[in-house]
């Protein structure tokens, strides 16, 4: 809710912010972005919550993407073993950004190499996210990885 209000106060939507700030990669002809969830679920220590976004021109907002494809798209950004990655999509009617297909991704690194790769992805996101900076300045930086 805080994130939605923050977007509204700045005159843009969550869809617009994701579209503008995500790092898109072409994976087999589909543009996808793997981003830390800026309003993550509370997870146990060692698990991080990410979102895998799909460019609307390539995948319709309400589309279902099979689990094998989701994991393959995650692996385009970070090499994870099966036991390090869990993905799911909410039903279309429960998606906060219904214009853009996306999946929840939970990562639990089991190797130092995977942990370092995830940390690098998170650092890149933190450096270009106006939401993360606003949270840091308001004293909530730990919630977004500062």
Protein backbone atom coordinates (compact mmCIF):
# COMPACT_ATOMS: atom_id res chain seq x y z
CA UNK A 1 0.00 0.00 0.00
CA UNK A 2 2.83 2.41 0.87
CA UNK A 3 4.37 1.81 -2.56
CA UNK A 4 1.07 2.45 -4.39
CA UNK A 5 0.59 5.69 -2.46
CA UNK A 6 4.17 6.73 -3.21
CA UNK A 7 3.59 6.18 -6.95
CA UNK A 8 0.28 8.06 -6.90
CA UNK A 9 1.83 11.02 -5.07
CA UNK A 10 4.38 11.30 -7.89
CA UNK A 11 1.78 11.06 -10.64
CA UNK A 12 2.69 7.68 -12.07
CA UNK A 13 1.47 4.11 -11.82
CA UNK A 14 3.25 0.98 -10.69
CA UNK A 15 3.12 -0.19 -14.32
CA UNK A 16 4.88 2.97 -15.49
CA UNK A 17 7.61 2.67 -12.84
CA UNK A 18 8.32 -0.97 -13.69
CA UNK A 19 8.36 -0.18 -17.40
CA UNK A 20 10.79 2.69 -16.90
CA UNK A 21 13.20 1.19 -14.37
CA UNK A 22 13.39 -2.56 -15.04
CA UNK A 23 16.45 -3.97 -16.80
CA UNK A 24 14.97 -5.83 -19.76
CA UNK A 25 16.66 -8.76 -21.45
CA UNK A 26 15.64 -10.54 -24.64
CA UNK A 27 15.33 -14.25 -23.83
CA UNK A 28 14.30 -16.34 -26.81
CA UNK A 29 12.41 -13.47 -28.41
CA UNK A 30 10.62 -12.44 -25.20
CA UNK A 31 11.68 -9.42 -23.18
CA UNK A 32 11.82 -10.19 -19.47
CA UNK A 33 13.17 -8.47 -16.38
CA UNK A 34 14.11 -9.98 -13.02
CA UNK A 35 13.77 -7.40 -10.27
CA UNK A 36 13.74 -7.57 -6.46
CA UNK A 37 10.17 -7.21 -5.23
CA UNK A 38 10.01 -3.67 -3.85
CA UNK A 39 7.22 -4.71 -1.49
CA UNK A 40 8.50 -8.20 -0.63
CA UNK A 41 6.67 -10.87 1.30
CA UNK A 42 8.17 -11.66 4.68
CA UNK A 43 10.42 -14.64 4.05
CA UNK A 44 12.62 -16.66 6.30
CA UNK A 45 16.27 -15.67 6.53
CA UNK A 46 18.18 -16.45 3.37
CA UNK A 47 15.19 -16.26 0.99
CA UNK A 48 14.74 -13.22 -1.23
CA UNK A 49 11.55 -12.29 -3.08
CA UNK A 50 11.85 -11.17 -6.71
CA UNK A 51 9.50 -10.53 -9.61
CA UNK A 52 9.94 -11.76 -13.16
CA UNK A 53 8.25 -9.22 -15.44
CA UNK A 54 7.19 -9.76 -19.05
CA UNK A 55 7.07 -6.96 -21.63
CA UNK A 56 3.35 -6.53 -22.50
CA UNK A 57 4.09 -6.38 -26.24
CA UNK A 58 5.53 -9.92 -25.95
CA UNK A 59 3.28 -11.56 -23.31
CA UNK A 60 -0.25 -10.41 -22.44
CA UNK A 61 -0.83 -9.19 -18.89
CA UNK A 62 -3.19 -12.02 -17.96
CA UNK A 63 -1.08 -14.75 -19.56
CA UNK A 64 -0.06 -17.86 -17.68
CA UNK A 65 3.57 -18.86 -18.14
CA UNK A 66 4.48 -22.47 -17.34
CA UNK A 67 6.89 -23.16 -14.47
CA UNK A 68 9.65 -24.57 -16.68
CA UNK A 69 9.68 -21.37 -18.74
CA UNK A 70 9.67 -19.19 -15.63
CA UNK A 71 12.76 -20.92 -14.25
CA UNK A 72 14.49 -20.74 -17.64
CA UNK A 73 13.84 -17.00 -17.71
CA UNK A 74 15.20 -16.58 -14.16
CA UNK A 75 18.33 -18.43 -15.27
CA UNK A 76 18.87 -15.86 -18.01
CA UNK A 77 19.76 -13.45 -15.16
CA UNK A 78 21.27 -15.71 -12.52
CA UNK A 79 22.32 -19.34 -12.69
CA UNK A 80 20.33 -21.14 -10.00
CA UNK A 81 19.83 -24.80 -9.27
CA UNK A 82 16.30 -26.18 -9.01
CA UNK A 83 16.44 -26.23 -5.21
CA UNK A 84 17.45 -22.53 -5.14
CA UNK A 85 14.44 -21.20 -7.05
CA UNK A 86 10.66 -21.34 -6.62
CA UNK A 87 8.32 -19.48 -9.02
CA UNK A 88 4.57 -18.97 -9.24
CA UNK A 89 2.06 -16.62 -10.80
CA UNK A 90 -0.92 -15.22 -8.98
CA UNK A 91 -4.28 -15.57 -10.73
CA UNK A 92 -4.81 -12.64 -13.15
CA UNK A 93 -7.53 -11.11 -10.97
CA UNK A 94 -5.09 -10.89 -8.01
CA UNK A 95 -2.20 -9.24 -9.83
CA UNK A 96 -1.29 -5.73 -8.62
CA UNK A 97 0.00 -4.78 -12.06
CA UNK A 98 -2.53 -6.54 -14.31
CA UNK A 99 -1.24 -4.93 -17.52
CA UNK A 100 2.04 -6.84 -17.23
CA UNK A 101 2.41 -10.61 -16.85
CA UNK A 102 4.70 -11.41 -13.96
CA UNK A 103 5.69 -14.18 -11.59
CA UNK A 104 6.86 -14.24 -7.99
CA UNK A 105 10.34 -15.71 -7.66
CA UNK A 106 11.85 -16.84 -4.38
CA UNK A 107 15.60 -17.39 -4.37
CA UNK A 108 17.53 -19.24 -1.67
CA UNK A 109 21.19 -19.49 -2.65
CA UNK A 110 22.94 -22.71 -1.66
CA UNK A 111 26.39 -21.76 -2.98
CA UNK A 112 28.61 -18.71 -2.55
CA UNK A 113 28.58 -18.23 -6.32
CA UNK A 114 24.78 -18.00 -6.43
CA UNK A 115 24.70 -15.74 -3.37
CA UNK A 116 27.22 -13.37 -4.99
CA UNK A 117 25.27 -13.28 -8.26
CA UNK A 118 22.02 -12.47 -6.44
CA UNK A 119 23.75 -9.78 -4.37
CA UNK A 120 25.09 -8.20 -7.56
CA UNK A 121 21.61 -8.13 -9.14
CA UNK A 122 20.15 -6.57 -6.00
CA UNK A 123 22.87 -3.89 -5.85
CA UNK A 124 22.24 -2.90 -9.46
CA UNK A 125 18.51 -2.51 -8.76
CA UNK A 126 19.05 -0.55 -5.59
CA UNK A 127 21.27 1.97 -7.41
CA UNK A 128 18.58 2.87 -9.99
CA UNK A 129 15.36 2.60 -8.00
CA UNK A 130 13.75 5.87 -6.92
CA UNK A 131 11.51 3.86 -4.57
CA UNK A 132 14.51 2.22 -2.87
CA UNK A 133 16.13 5.63 -2.41
CA UNK A 134 12.92 7.10 -0.95
CA UNK A 135 12.68 4.16 1.46
CA UNK A 136 16.33 4.59 2.48
CA UNK A 137 15.83 8.30 3.14
CA UNK A 138 12.73 7.60 5.25
CA UNK A 139 14.56 5.11 7.47
CA UNK A 140 13.14 1.96 5.88
CA UNK A 141 16.19 1.14 3.75
CA UNK A 142 16.67 -2.30 5.27
CA UNK A 143 13.33 -3.36 3.78
CA UNK A 144 14.63 -2.69 0.26
CA UNK A 145 18.20 -3.93 0.67
CA UNK A 146 20.07 -0.84 1.96
